[in-house]
Structure formats: C-alpha cells, structure tokens
C-alpha cells in the first residue's frame, strides 16, 4: 500500500509540473491572432494548387505550349529569313500586305525568333522538349525520362550545341580578322554568335 501511495503521489507531481508552464507563459510569447488569420488566409488561397483539376489543366496548358513552340521553331528554320524581315518592319514587296510564312502565324514567328534567333538557335527546341516533359509529369503523373538527368543533359546541350555549330561554320575575314559565320544565324542563335565572336 505504501508503494502504491508513493506512485500515486509521483504521478500527481508530474501532472502538476506539466500544467504549471502553461499557466506561467508570458502573454507576449503567444503568436498574435492576426498573424494566424493571415497564414490561414494564405493557405486557403493556395489550396487550388493541390486541386487535381487545376494540376491537369495546368499540365495540359504546358503541353499545348510545348507543341506550339516546337511547331513554330521547326517552321522558323525554313521561313525565318522571310519572317524576320516582316518582324523588323522591312516589307519586301510594297504592293502586297506582309504575310508570315510560319505555320503558327505572327505569334509563332515572334516566339520562334525569341527562342532561336535571339536565343540558342537550333538548340532552342530543347526548351519546349523540357516543357513537354514537365507537362506530362504534372497532368498525368508520369515520368517519361529521368527528370534530373534529362534536365542536366538538356542544359548542357542548350549551351554546347550553338558553340559546336558555330565552330564548324565560321571563318575569319582576311582583312580585319573578323569572325564570320557561313551558316544561318537561326541555327546558332544570338548566344552562339556572341560567344564565337568573343
């Protein structure tokens, strides 16, 4: 009986010690109710990101963008010279209204110009490829390729391919030694041109 009383007294002491810190807490240490409300509002606003319908819609939108950029870029390889004149405001024939030859029209020509001519040239098509992989992963929860490894290889190719093309298709001017590219600038892009001439 004495042992039982001893254990009961010990349990009471523990219960009292666990409740005492709650009473002795300083009022200023508790988080302000306004902060809690702000956090709860932020979480409520971000709930739509976890929604399955939103994920699918967002993933499908990425797939559409990837396909659009791919078609625009491939078409730009053949029609870029013509479309660049129109985008620069240089009308070749004053009697005719300028028409873009890119399959995706003006928007396709503009996006392909930014992606390839002003960007990474032929390697710019890697960007819609990555967007496509991300779209499939978000919309259908499928991984077509190992994403981390594919991203590293794609990033390396994005920087290396323009330099490789410029290396094989450049020569220096006989008089002033200026670097001249003998291939289409759309294959090399502004990145490859600037690095090669540098």
Protein backbone atom coordinates (compact mmCIF):
# COMPACT_ATOMS: atom_id res chain seq x y z
CA UNK A 1 0.00 0.00 0.00
CA UNK A 2 2.84 2.39 0.80
CA UNK A 3 4.41 1.71 -2.61
CA UNK A 4 1.05 2.39 -4.30
CA UNK A 5 0.65 5.68 -2.46
CA UNK A 6 4.18 6.65 -3.41
CA UNK A 7 3.50 6.08 -7.14
CA UNK A 8 0.19 7.96 -6.97
CA UNK A 9 1.91 10.95 -5.38
CA UNK A 10 4.62 10.85 -8.03
CA UNK A 11 2.03 10.90 -10.86
CA UNK A 12 0.28 13.89 -9.24
CA UNK A 13 3.56 15.81 -9.08
CA UNK A 14 4.21 15.12 -12.76
CA UNK A 15 0.73 16.28 -13.76
CA UNK A 16 1.13 19.48 -11.76
CA UNK A 17 4.58 20.18 -13.27
CA UNK A 18 3.22 19.71 -16.82
CA UNK A 19 0.35 22.14 -16.24
CA UNK A 20 2.39 24.82 -14.47
CA UNK A 21 4.36 26.08 -17.55
CA UNK A 22 1.09 26.67 -19.41
CA UNK A 23 -0.11 28.95 -16.63
CA UNK A 24 3.22 30.74 -16.33
CA UNK A 25 3.55 31.54 -20.05
CA UNK A 26 4.08 35.13 -20.96
CA UNK A 27 1.26 36.63 -22.99
CA UNK A 28 3.65 38.23 -25.46
CA UNK A 29 5.19 34.85 -26.39
CA UNK A 30 1.94 33.58 -27.95
CA UNK A 31 1.56 34.32 -31.67
CA UNK A 32 -0.69 37.22 -32.46
CA UNK A 33 -4.16 36.21 -33.71
CA UNK A 34 -3.77 38.48 -36.74
CA UNK A 35 -0.73 36.51 -37.90
CA UNK A 36 -2.64 33.26 -37.54
CA UNK A 37 -5.50 34.64 -39.59
CA UNK A 38 -3.12 35.86 -42.29
CA UNK A 39 -1.47 32.44 -42.51
CA UNK A 40 -4.82 30.67 -42.70
CA UNK A 41 -5.96 33.02 -45.47
CA UNK A 42 -2.77 32.38 -47.44
CA UNK A 43 -3.22 28.62 -47.10
CA UNK A 44 -6.83 28.90 -48.24
CA UNK A 45 -5.77 30.87 -51.31
CA UNK A 46 -3.11 28.28 -52.20
CA UNK A 47 -5.47 25.32 -51.81
CA UNK A 48 -6.33 25.41 -55.51
CA UNK A 49 -2.73 24.35 -56.34
CA UNK A 50 -3.35 20.97 -54.73
CA UNK A 51 -6.60 20.52 -56.60
CA UNK A 52 -6.39 17.65 -59.07
CA UNK A 53 -8.37 19.52 -61.75
CA UNK A 54 -6.04 22.51 -61.56
CA UNK A 55 -2.99 20.25 -61.92
CA UNK A 56 -4.42 18.58 -65.01
CA UNK A 57 -5.45 21.85 -66.63
CA UNK A 58 -2.06 23.42 -65.91
CA UNK A 59 -0.23 20.36 -67.24
CA UNK A 60 -2.30 20.30 -70.44
CA UNK A 61 -1.65 24.03 -70.96
CA UNK A 62 2.09 23.31 -70.71
CA UNK A 63 1.73 20.52 -73.28
CA UNK A 64 -0.07 22.86 -75.68
CA UNK A 65 2.66 25.50 -75.24
CA UNK A 66 5.36 22.89 -75.84
CA UNK A 67 3.73 21.64 -79.05
CA UNK A 68 3.13 25.20 -80.25
CA UNK A 69 6.76 26.22 -79.65
CA UNK A 70 8.04 23.07 -81.34
CA UNK A 71 5.94 23.62 -84.48
CA UNK A 72 6.84 27.32 -84.55
CA UNK A 73 10.55 26.59 -84.15
CA UNK A 74 10.70 23.90 -86.83
CA UNK A 75 8.76 26.12 -89.24
CA UNK A 76 11.07 29.04 -88.41
CA UNK A 77 14.07 27.08 -89.66
CA UNK A 78 12.60 27.26 -93.18
CA UNK A 79 10.68 30.53 -93.09
CA UNK A 80 12.77 32.55 -90.62
CA UNK A 81 14.55 34.69 -93.22
CA UNK A 82 11.24 35.93 -94.62
CA UNK A 83 9.52 36.39 -91.26
CA UNK A 84 12.46 38.28 -89.75
CA UNK A 85 12.11 40.98 -92.42
CA UNK A 86 8.45 41.44 -91.54
CA UNK A 87 9.12 41.49 -87.79
CA UNK A 88 11.81 44.12 -88.36
CA UNK A 89 9.35 46.23 -90.36
CA UNK A 90 11.10 45.63 -93.68
CA UNK A 91 8.44 44.90 -96.29
CA UNK A 92 9.95 43.24 -99.34
CA UNK A 93 7.07 44.00 -101.68
CA UNK A 94 5.22 47.25 -101.06
CA UNK A 95 2.28 46.21 -103.23
CA UNK A 96 1.44 43.18 -101.10
CA UNK A 97 0.48 43.08 -97.44
CA UNK A 98 3.18 41.25 -95.47
CA UNK A 99 2.21 37.71 -94.57
CA UNK A 100 4.09 35.44 -92.24
CA UNK A 101 5.11 32.11 -93.69
CA UNK A 102 5.44 30.48 -90.31
CA UNK A 103 2.83 27.78 -89.78
CA UNK A 104 1.79 29.37 -86.47
CA UNK A 105 1.48 32.86 -87.92
CA UNK A 106 2.76 36.03 -86.30
CA UNK A 107 2.73 34.64 -82.79
CA UNK A 108 4.69 31.59 -83.91
CA UNK A 109 7.23 33.70 -85.78
CA UNK A 110 7.69 36.03 -82.79
CA UNK A 111 8.07 33.22 -80.27
CA UNK A 112 10.46 31.28 -82.52
CA UNK A 113 12.52 34.43 -83.09
CA UNK A 114 12.88 34.91 -79.33
CA UNK A 115 13.64 31.24 -78.79
CA UNK A 116 16.03 30.59 -81.69
CA UNK A 117 17.26 33.72 -83.48
CA UNK A 118 17.61 35.81 -80.31
CA UNK A 119 18.35 32.79 -78.13
CA UNK A 120 20.03 29.43 -78.63
CA UNK A 121 19.45 28.65 -82.29
CA UNK A 122 18.62 25.05 -83.14
CA UNK A 123 19.22 24.09 -79.51
CA UNK A 124 16.29 26.31 -78.54
CA UNK A 125 14.00 23.38 -79.42
CA UNK A 126 15.25 21.73 -76.22
CA UNK A 127 13.18 24.20 -74.18
CA UNK A 128 9.77 23.03 -75.50
CA UNK A 129 11.01 19.46 -75.03
CA UNK A 130 11.57 20.13 -71.32
CA UNK A 131 8.22 21.93 -71.05
CA UNK A 132 6.57 18.85 -72.60
CA UNK A 133 8.15 16.53 -70.02
CA UNK A 134 7.04 18.80 -67.17
CA UNK A 135 3.51 18.97 -68.60
CA UNK A 136 3.21 15.17 -68.80
CA UNK A 137 4.51 14.84 -65.26
CA UNK A 138 2.04 17.38 -63.84
CA UNK A 139 -1.04 16.39 -65.86
CA UNK A 140 -0.72 12.60 -65.88
CA UNK A 141 1.78 11.96 -63.05
CA UNK A 142 4.04 10.06 -65.44
CA UNK A 143 7.78 10.37 -65.89
CA UNK A 144 8.80 9.65 -69.47
CA UNK A 145 12.52 10.13 -68.73
CA UNK A 146 14.59 10.56 -65.56
CA UNK A 147 13.89 14.23 -65.00
CA UNK A 148 17.04 15.30 -63.13
CA UNK A 149 19.38 13.55 -65.56
CA UNK A 150 17.43 14.76 -68.60
CA UNK A 151 17.47 18.34 -67.29
CA UNK A 152 21.26 18.30 -66.80
CA UNK A 153 21.89 16.87 -70.28
CA UNK A 154 19.44 19.32 -71.85
CA UNK A 155 21.03 22.30 -70.12
CA UNK A 156 24.48 21.20 -71.29
CA UNK A 157 23.21 20.68 -74.85
CA UNK A 158 21.46 24.06 -74.80
CA UNK A 159 24.82 25.77 -74.22
CA UNK A 160 27.05 23.40 -76.20
CA UNK A 161 25.17 22.84 -79.49
CA UNK A 162 25.27 26.52 -80.62
CA UNK A 163 29.02 26.61 -79.97
CA UNK A 164 29.54 23.34 -81.84
CA UNK A 165 27.64 24.56 -84.92
CA UNK A 166 29.45 27.91 -84.85
CA UNK A 167 32.81 26.16 -84.52
CA UNK A 168 32.34 24.20 -87.75
CA UNK A 169 30.71 27.01 -89.74
CA UNK A 170 32.84 30.07 -89.07
CA UNK A 171 35.90 31.68 -90.62
CA UNK A 172 37.86 34.84 -90.04
CA UNK A 173 37.88 37.72 -92.52
CA UNK A 174 41.17 38.01 -94.43
CA UNK A 175 41.47 41.80 -93.99
CA UNK A 176 40.31 42.61 -90.46
CA UNK A 177 40.18 39.16 -88.91
CA UNK A 178 36.50 39.49 -88.01
CA UNK A 179 34.68 36.22 -87.32
CA UNK A 180 32.05 35.48 -89.98
CA UNK A 181 29.51 32.66 -89.79
CA UNK A 182 28.84 30.79 -93.02
CA UNK A 183 25.61 29.21 -91.76
CA UNK A 184 22.15 30.52 -90.99
CA UNK A 185 22.08 32.62 -87.81
CA UNK A 186 18.88 30.87 -86.83
CA UNK A 187 20.86 27.65 -86.33
CA UNK A 188 23.36 29.28 -83.99
CA UNK A 189 21.31 31.99 -82.33
CA UNK A 190 22.46 35.16 -80.68
CA UNK A 191 24.12 33.15 -77.91
CA UNK A 192 26.33 31.17 -80.31
CA UNK A 193 27.15 34.23 -82.42
CA UNK A 194 28.19 36.37 -79.45
CA UNK A 195 30.30 33.63 -77.83
CA UNK A 196 32.02 32.74 -81.10
CA UNK A 197 32.89 36.33 -81.93
CA UNK A 198 34.02 36.90 -78.37
